[in-house]
């Protein structure tokens, strides 16, 4: 709870500073926004590490091979990166680039999910044969 309040406060302060700076220098405002996003991501590193440790424990307890969880983690990571990247592009007034980032993210997510899709296909073929 405390961390979410800190992150929210940092983001609000960053957004307000970017809004003030935007009048004089839109480029600096965008850099300020990116810097705030990086600081927030660094601040969340501990929480992400704890979450990944729990997910690894969950995967081990489930008996499902860890290789099947990797595509899920990669896909979630891709989605988060694409969401932030697309928003930053839109903030910079580049909606076309935001659309490209989102399209690239969709392709990369599908590629990351291929091992999982192959495992499902193999299981289905095994059941049919």
N, C-alpha and C. Protein backbone atom coordinates (compact mmCIF):
# COMPACT_ATOMS: atom_id res chain seq x y z
N UNK A 1 0.83 -1.20 0.00
CA UNK A 1 0.00 0.00 0.00
C UNK A 1 0.87 1.25 0.00
N UNK A 2 1.90 1.22 0.86
CA UNK A 2 2.77 2.39 0.95
C UNK A 2 3.49 2.65 -0.38
N UNK A 3 3.89 1.56 -1.03
CA UNK A 3 4.62 1.71 -2.30
C UNK A 3 3.72 2.29 -3.39
N UNK A 4 2.47 1.90 -3.41
CA UNK A 4 1.55 2.42 -4.42
C UNK A 4 1.33 3.91 -4.22
N UNK A 5 1.30 4.34 -2.97
CA UNK A 5 1.13 5.77 -2.68
C UNK A 5 2.37 6.54 -3.14
N UNK A 6 3.56 5.98 -2.88
CA UNK A 6 4.80 6.63 -3.33
C UNK A 6 4.86 6.71 -4.85
N UNK A 7 4.52 5.62 -5.52
CA UNK A 7 4.55 5.59 -6.99
C UNK A 7 3.55 6.59 -7.55
N UNK A 8 2.35 6.60 -7.00
CA UNK A 8 1.33 7.53 -7.47
C UNK A 8 1.78 8.97 -7.26
N UNK A 9 2.33 9.27 -6.08
CA UNK A 9 2.82 10.62 -5.81
C UNK A 9 3.92 11.02 -6.78
N UNK A 10 4.86 10.12 -7.03
CA UNK A 10 5.95 10.41 -7.97
C UNK A 10 5.40 10.67 -9.37
N UNK A 11 4.46 9.86 -9.78
CA UNK A 11 3.89 10.04 -11.13
C UNK A 11 3.10 11.34 -11.24
N UNK A 12 2.34 11.67 -10.22
CA UNK A 12 1.58 12.93 -10.25
C UNK A 12 2.52 14.12 -10.27
N UNK A 13 3.55 14.10 -9.45
CA UNK A 13 4.53 15.19 -9.44
C UNK A 13 5.23 15.28 -10.80
N UNK A 14 5.62 14.12 -11.35
CA UNK A 14 6.26 14.10 -12.67
C UNK A 14 5.34 14.65 -13.75
N UNK A 15 4.07 14.28 -13.68
CA UNK A 15 3.11 14.77 -14.68
C UNK A 15 2.90 16.27 -14.55
N UNK A 16 2.81 16.76 -13.32
CA UNK A 16 2.64 18.21 -13.13
C UNK A 16 3.87 18.98 -13.60
N UNK A 17 5.06 18.48 -13.28
CA UNK A 17 6.28 19.13 -13.75
C UNK A 17 6.36 19.11 -15.28
N UNK A 18 6.01 17.98 -15.87
CA UNK A 18 6.03 17.88 -17.33
C UNK A 18 5.03 18.85 -17.94
N UNK A 19 3.88 19.02 -17.30
CA UNK A 19 2.87 19.95 -17.80
C UNK A 19 3.38 21.39 -17.78
N UNK A 20 4.08 21.74 -16.71
CA UNK A 20 4.64 23.10 -16.60
C UNK A 20 5.75 23.32 -17.62
N UNK A 21 6.60 22.32 -17.77
CA UNK A 21 7.76 22.44 -18.67
C UNK A 21 7.33 22.36 -20.14
N UNK A 22 6.21 21.68 -20.40
CA UNK A 22 5.77 21.44 -21.77
C UNK A 22 5.58 22.72 -22.58
N UNK A 23 5.16 23.78 -21.93
CA UNK A 23 4.93 25.05 -22.64
C UNK A 23 6.22 25.56 -23.27
N UNK A 24 7.31 25.47 -22.53
CA UNK A 24 8.58 25.99 -23.02
C UNK A 24 9.37 25.00 -23.84
N UNK A 25 9.29 23.72 -23.48
CA UNK A 25 10.10 22.71 -24.15
C UNK A 25 9.40 21.35 -24.09
N UNK A 26 8.63 21.02 -25.12
CA UNK A 26 7.93 19.73 -25.12
C UNK A 26 8.88 18.53 -25.04
N UNK A 27 10.07 18.68 -25.62
CA UNK A 27 11.04 17.58 -25.60
C UNK A 27 11.50 17.30 -24.16
N UNK A 28 11.76 18.36 -23.42
CA UNK A 28 12.18 18.20 -22.03
C UNK A 28 11.06 17.59 -21.20
N UNK A 29 9.83 17.97 -21.49
CA UNK A 29 8.68 17.41 -20.77
C UNK A 29 8.59 15.90 -21.01
N UNK A 30 8.83 15.48 -22.24
CA UNK A 30 8.79 14.05 -22.54
C UNK A 30 9.92 13.32 -21.82
N UNK A 31 11.10 13.90 -21.82
CA UNK A 31 12.23 13.29 -21.11
C UNK A 31 11.95 13.19 -19.61
N UNK A 32 11.31 14.20 -19.06
CA UNK A 32 10.94 14.18 -17.64
C UNK A 32 9.95 13.04 -17.37
N UNK A 33 9.02 12.84 -18.27
CA UNK A 33 8.05 11.76 -18.13
C UNK A 33 8.74 10.40 -18.19
N UNK A 34 9.67 10.25 -19.14
CA UNK A 34 10.41 8.99 -19.26
C UNK A 34 11.24 8.75 -18.00
N UNK A 35 11.88 9.79 -17.50
CA UNK A 35 12.69 9.66 -16.28
C UNK A 35 11.82 9.21 -15.10
N UNK A 36 10.65 9.80 -14.96
CA UNK A 36 9.75 9.41 -13.87
C UNK A 36 9.34 7.94 -14.02
N UNK A 37 9.07 7.51 -15.25
CA UNK A 37 8.69 6.12 -15.49
C UNK A 37 9.84 5.18 -15.12
N UNK A 38 11.06 5.53 -15.46
CA UNK A 38 12.22 4.70 -15.14
C UNK A 38 12.41 4.61 -13.63
N UNK A 39 12.27 5.73 -12.94
CA UNK A 39 12.42 5.73 -11.47
C UNK A 39 11.35 4.83 -10.84
N UNK A 40 10.14 4.91 -11.34
CA UNK A 40 9.06 4.07 -10.80
C UNK A 40 9.38 2.59 -11.03
N UNK A 41 9.83 2.26 -12.24
CA UNK A 41 10.15 0.86 -12.54
C UNK A 41 11.28 0.35 -11.66
N UNK A 42 12.27 1.18 -11.42
CA UNK A 42 13.37 0.79 -10.53
C UNK A 42 12.87 0.60 -9.09
N UNK A 43 11.94 1.46 -8.68
CA UNK A 43 11.39 1.35 -7.33
C UNK A 43 10.57 0.07 -7.17
N UNK A 44 10.01 -0.43 -8.26
CA UNK A 44 9.18 -1.63 -8.20
C UNK A 44 9.99 -2.92 -8.36
N UNK A 45 11.29 -2.81 -8.53
CA UNK A 45 12.12 -3.99 -8.77
C UNK A 45 11.98 -5.02 -7.65
N UNK A 46 11.97 -4.56 -6.41
CA UNK A 46 11.83 -5.48 -5.28
C UNK A 46 10.50 -6.22 -5.29
N UNK A 47 9.43 -5.49 -5.58
CA UNK A 47 8.11 -6.11 -5.62
C UNK A 47 8.01 -7.11 -6.76
N UNK A 48 8.60 -6.78 -7.90
CA UNK A 48 8.58 -7.69 -9.05
C UNK A 48 9.37 -8.95 -8.72
N UNK A 49 10.50 -8.79 -8.05
CA UNK A 49 11.31 -9.95 -7.66
C UNK A 49 10.53 -10.87 -6.72
N UNK A 50 9.83 -10.27 -5.78
CA UNK A 50 9.01 -11.06 -4.84
C UNK A 50 7.90 -11.80 -5.58
N UNK A 51 7.27 -11.12 -6.52
CA UNK A 51 6.19 -11.73 -7.31
C UNK A 51 6.72 -12.89 -8.15
N UNK A 52 7.87 -12.69 -8.79
CA UNK A 52 8.45 -13.75 -9.61
C UNK A 52 8.83 -14.97 -8.76
N UNK A 53 9.33 -14.73 -7.55
CA UNK A 53 9.67 -15.83 -6.65
C UNK A 53 8.42 -16.63 -6.28
N UNK A 54 7.33 -15.92 -6.01
CA UNK A 54 6.08 -16.61 -5.69
C UNK A 54 5.57 -17.41 -6.89
N UNK A 55 5.64 -16.81 -8.07
CA UNK A 55 5.17 -17.51 -9.27
C UNK A 55 6.02 -18.75 -9.55
N UNK A 56 7.32 -18.67 -9.29
CA UNK A 56 8.19 -19.85 -9.46
C UNK A 56 7.79 -20.94 -8.47
N UNK A 57 7.49 -20.53 -7.24
CA UNK A 57 7.04 -21.49 -6.21
C UNK A 57 5.72 -22.13 -6.62
N UNK A 58 4.83 -21.31 -7.16
CA UNK A 58 3.53 -21.80 -7.61
C UNK A 58 3.70 -22.79 -8.77
N UNK A 59 4.57 -22.46 -9.70
CA UNK A 59 4.81 -23.34 -10.84
C UNK A 59 5.38 -24.67 -10.37
N UNK A 60 6.29 -24.62 -9.41
CA UNK A 60 6.90 -25.84 -8.89
C UNK A 60 5.87 -26.71 -8.18
N UNK A 61 5.00 -26.09 -7.40
CA UNK A 61 3.98 -26.83 -6.65
C UNK A 61 2.92 -27.41 -7.57
N UNK A 62 2.68 -26.77 -8.72
CA UNK A 62 1.63 -27.23 -9.62
C UNK A 62 2.03 -28.47 -10.40
N UNK A 63 3.33 -28.71 -10.52
CA UNK A 63 3.78 -29.86 -11.28
C UNK A 63 3.86 -29.60 -12.78
N UNK A 64 3.47 -28.43 -13.20
CA UNK A 64 3.56 -28.05 -14.61
C UNK A 64 5.01 -27.70 -14.91
N UNK A 65 5.54 -28.16 -16.03
CA UNK A 65 6.94 -27.84 -16.35
C UNK A 65 7.18 -26.33 -16.40
N UNK A 66 8.27 -25.86 -15.81
CA UNK A 66 8.57 -24.42 -15.79
C UNK A 66 8.65 -23.81 -17.20
N UNK A 67 9.01 -24.63 -18.17
CA UNK A 67 9.12 -24.13 -19.55
C UNK A 67 7.78 -23.63 -20.07
N UNK A 68 6.69 -24.12 -19.51
CA UNK A 68 5.37 -23.67 -19.96
C UNK A 68 4.97 -22.33 -19.33
N UNK A 69 5.59 -22.00 -18.20
CA UNK A 69 5.29 -20.72 -17.57
C UNK A 69 6.09 -19.57 -18.19
N UNK A 70 7.25 -19.85 -18.75
CA UNK A 70 8.10 -18.81 -19.33
C UNK A 70 7.38 -17.99 -20.40
N UNK A 71 6.65 -18.63 -21.34
CA UNK A 71 5.94 -17.82 -22.34
C UNK A 71 4.90 -16.88 -21.72
N UNK A 72 4.27 -17.34 -20.65
CA UNK A 72 3.29 -16.49 -19.97
C UNK A 72 3.95 -15.26 -19.39
N UNK A 73 5.09 -15.45 -18.71
CA UNK A 73 5.81 -14.32 -18.13
C UNK A 73 6.28 -13.35 -19.22
N UNK A 74 6.81 -13.91 -20.30
CA UNK A 74 7.29 -13.07 -21.39
C UNK A 74 6.15 -12.25 -22.01
N UNK A 75 5.01 -12.89 -22.19
CA UNK A 75 3.87 -12.20 -22.79
C UNK A 75 3.37 -11.06 -21.91
N UNK A 76 3.32 -11.31 -20.62
CA UNK A 76 2.90 -10.24 -19.69
C UNK A 76 3.91 -9.10 -19.71
N UNK A 77 5.19 -9.43 -19.71
CA UNK A 77 6.24 -8.40 -19.79
C UNK A 77 6.13 -7.58 -21.07
N UNK A 78 5.90 -8.26 -22.18
CA UNK A 78 5.74 -7.56 -23.47
C UNK A 78 4.54 -6.62 -23.40
N UNK A 79 3.44 -7.08 -22.85
CA UNK A 79 2.23 -6.25 -22.75
C UNK A 79 2.50 -4.99 -21.93
N UNK A 80 3.21 -5.14 -20.82
CA UNK A 80 3.49 -3.97 -19.98
C UNK A 80 4.41 -2.97 -20.69
N UNK A 81 5.45 -3.48 -21.33
CA UNK A 81 6.38 -2.60 -22.05
C UNK A 81 5.67 -1.88 -23.19
N UNK A 82 4.83 -2.60 -23.92
CA UNK A 82 4.10 -2.01 -25.04
C UNK A 82 3.13 -0.94 -24.55
N UNK A 83 2.47 -1.20 -23.44
CA UNK A 83 1.52 -0.23 -22.90
C UNK A 83 2.23 1.08 -22.56
N UNK A 84 3.36 0.99 -21.87
CA UNK A 84 4.10 2.19 -21.50
C UNK A 84 4.69 2.86 -22.74
N UNK A 85 5.29 2.08 -23.63
CA UNK A 85 5.88 2.64 -24.84
C UNK A 85 4.86 3.32 -25.73
N UNK A 86 3.71 2.70 -25.90
CA UNK A 86 2.64 3.30 -26.70
C UNK A 86 2.13 4.60 -26.09
N UNK A 87 1.99 4.61 -24.78
CA UNK A 87 1.53 5.83 -24.11
C UNK A 87 2.55 6.96 -24.24
N UNK A 88 3.84 6.62 -24.12
CA UNK A 88 4.87 7.65 -24.28
C UNK A 88 4.87 8.21 -25.70
N UNK A 89 4.68 7.33 -26.68
CA UNK A 89 4.60 7.81 -28.07
C UNK A 89 3.41 8.73 -28.26
N UNK A 90 2.26 8.36 -27.68
CA UNK A 90 1.07 9.22 -27.80
C UNK A 90 1.30 10.56 -27.11
N UNK A 91 1.95 10.54 -25.95
CA UNK A 91 2.25 11.79 -25.24
C UNK A 91 3.15 12.68 -26.07
N UNK A 92 3.99 12.08 -26.88
CA UNK A 92 4.88 12.85 -27.75
C UNK A 92 4.18 13.28 -29.03
N UNK A 93 2.90 12.92 -29.17
CA UNK A 93 2.13 13.31 -30.34
C UNK A 93 2.36 12.39 -31.54
N UNK A 94 2.88 11.20 -31.29
CA UNK A 94 3.19 10.26 -32.37
C UNK A 94 2.28 9.04 -32.28
N UNK A 95 1.00 9.22 -32.67
CA UNK A 95 0.07 8.10 -32.58
C UNK A 95 0.40 7.00 -33.58
N UNK A 96 0.97 7.35 -34.72
CA UNK A 96 1.34 6.32 -35.69
C UNK A 96 2.42 5.42 -35.11
N UNK A 97 3.40 6.01 -34.44
CA UNK A 97 4.44 5.20 -33.81
C UNK A 97 3.87 4.36 -32.67
N UNK A 98 2.91 4.91 -31.96
CA UNK A 98 2.25 4.15 -30.89
C UNK A 98 1.58 2.91 -31.48
N UNK A 99 0.93 3.07 -32.63
CA UNK A 99 0.28 1.94 -33.29
C UNK A 99 1.31 0.90 -33.73
N UNK A 100 2.46 1.36 -34.20
CA UNK A 100 3.52 0.44 -34.60
C UNK A 100 4.04 -0.33 -33.39
N UNK A 101 4.23 0.37 -32.27
CA UNK A 101 4.69 -0.29 -31.04
C UNK A 101 3.69 -1.36 -30.63
N UNK A 102 2.41 -1.05 -30.70
CA UNK A 102 1.38 -2.00 -30.31
C UNK A 102 1.33 -3.20 -31.25
N UNK A 103 1.49 -2.96 -32.55
CA UNK A 103 1.51 -4.05 -33.51
C UNK A 103 2.73 -4.95 -33.28
N UNK A 104 3.88 -4.32 -33.08
CA UNK A 104 5.10 -5.08 -32.81
C UNK A 104 4.94 -5.89 -31.52
N UNK A 105 4.29 -5.30 -30.53
CA UNK A 105 4.06 -6.01 -29.27
C UNK A 105 3.17 -7.23 -29.47
N UNK A 106 2.14 -7.09 -30.29
CA UNK A 106 1.25 -8.23 -30.57
C UNK A 106 2.01 -9.36 -31.25
N UNK A 107 2.84 -9.01 -32.23
CA UNK A 107 3.64 -10.02 -32.94
C UNK A 107 4.61 -10.69 -31.97
N UNK A 108 5.31 -9.89 -31.17
CA UNK A 108 6.28 -10.44 -30.22
C UNK A 108 5.59 -11.32 -29.16
N UNK A 109 4.40 -10.94 -28.73
CA UNK A 109 3.67 -11.74 -27.74
C UNK A 109 3.28 -13.09 -28.35
N UNK A 110 2.85 -13.07 -29.60
CA UNK A 110 2.51 -14.34 -30.25
C UNK A 110 3.74 -15.23 -30.41
N UNK A 111 4.87 -14.63 -30.78
CA UNK A 111 6.11 -15.40 -30.91
C UNK A 111 6.53 -15.96 -29.55
N UNK A 112 6.41 -15.15 -28.51
CA UNK A 112 6.76 -15.61 -27.17
C UNK A 112 5.86 -16.75 -26.71
N UNK A 113 4.62 -16.75 -27.17
CA UNK A 113 3.65 -17.77 -26.76
C UNK A 113 3.76 -19.05 -27.60
N UNK A 114 4.57 -19.06 -28.64
CA UNK A 114 4.67 -20.24 -29.51
C UNK A 114 5.00 -21.53 -28.76
N UNK A 115 5.94 -21.54 -27.82
CA UNK A 115 6.19 -22.81 -27.12
C UNK A 115 4.95 -23.34 -26.39
N UNK A 116 4.17 -22.45 -25.84
CA UNK A 116 2.95 -22.86 -25.15
C UNK A 116 1.93 -23.40 -26.16
N UNK A 117 1.80 -22.72 -27.29
CA UNK A 117 0.88 -23.16 -28.33
C UNK A 117 1.32 -24.51 -28.90
N UNK A 118 2.64 -24.70 -29.05
CA UNK A 118 3.15 -25.99 -29.54
C UNK A 118 2.84 -27.10 -28.54
N UNK A 119 2.98 -26.82 -27.26
CA UNK A 119 2.69 -27.82 -26.23
C UNK A 119 1.22 -28.21 -26.26
N UNK A 120 0.35 -27.25 -26.45
CA UNK A 120 -1.09 -27.54 -26.54
C UNK A 120 -1.37 -28.37 -27.78
N UNK A 121 -0.76 -28.01 -28.90
CA UNK A 121 -0.95 -28.76 -30.14
C UNK A 121 -0.46 -30.20 -29.97
N UNK A 122 0.71 -30.38 -29.38
CA UNK A 122 1.24 -31.73 -29.15
C UNK A 122 0.30 -32.54 -28.27
N UNK A 123 -0.26 -31.91 -27.24
CA UNK A 123 -1.18 -32.60 -26.35
C UNK A 123 -2.44 -33.02 -27.10
N UNK A 124 -2.95 -32.12 -27.93
CA UNK A 124 -4.15 -32.45 -28.71
C UNK A 124 -3.87 -33.58 -29.70
N UNK A 125 -2.72 -33.52 -30.37
CA UNK A 125 -2.37 -34.59 -31.31
C UNK A 125 -2.20 -35.93 -30.60
N UNK A 126 -1.66 -35.88 -29.40
CA UNK A 126 -1.47 -37.10 -28.62
C UNK A 126 -2.83 -37.69 -28.22
N UNK A 127 -3.76 -36.83 -27.86
CA UNK A 127 -5.10 -37.31 -27.48
C UNK A 127 -5.85 -37.90 -28.68
N UNK A 128 -5.61 -37.32 -29.86
CA UNK A 128 -6.30 -37.78 -31.07
C UNK A 128 -5.68 -39.06 -31.62
N UNK A 129 -4.37 -39.24 -31.37
CA UNK A 129 -3.69 -40.39 -31.98
C UNK A 129 -3.60 -41.49 -31.06
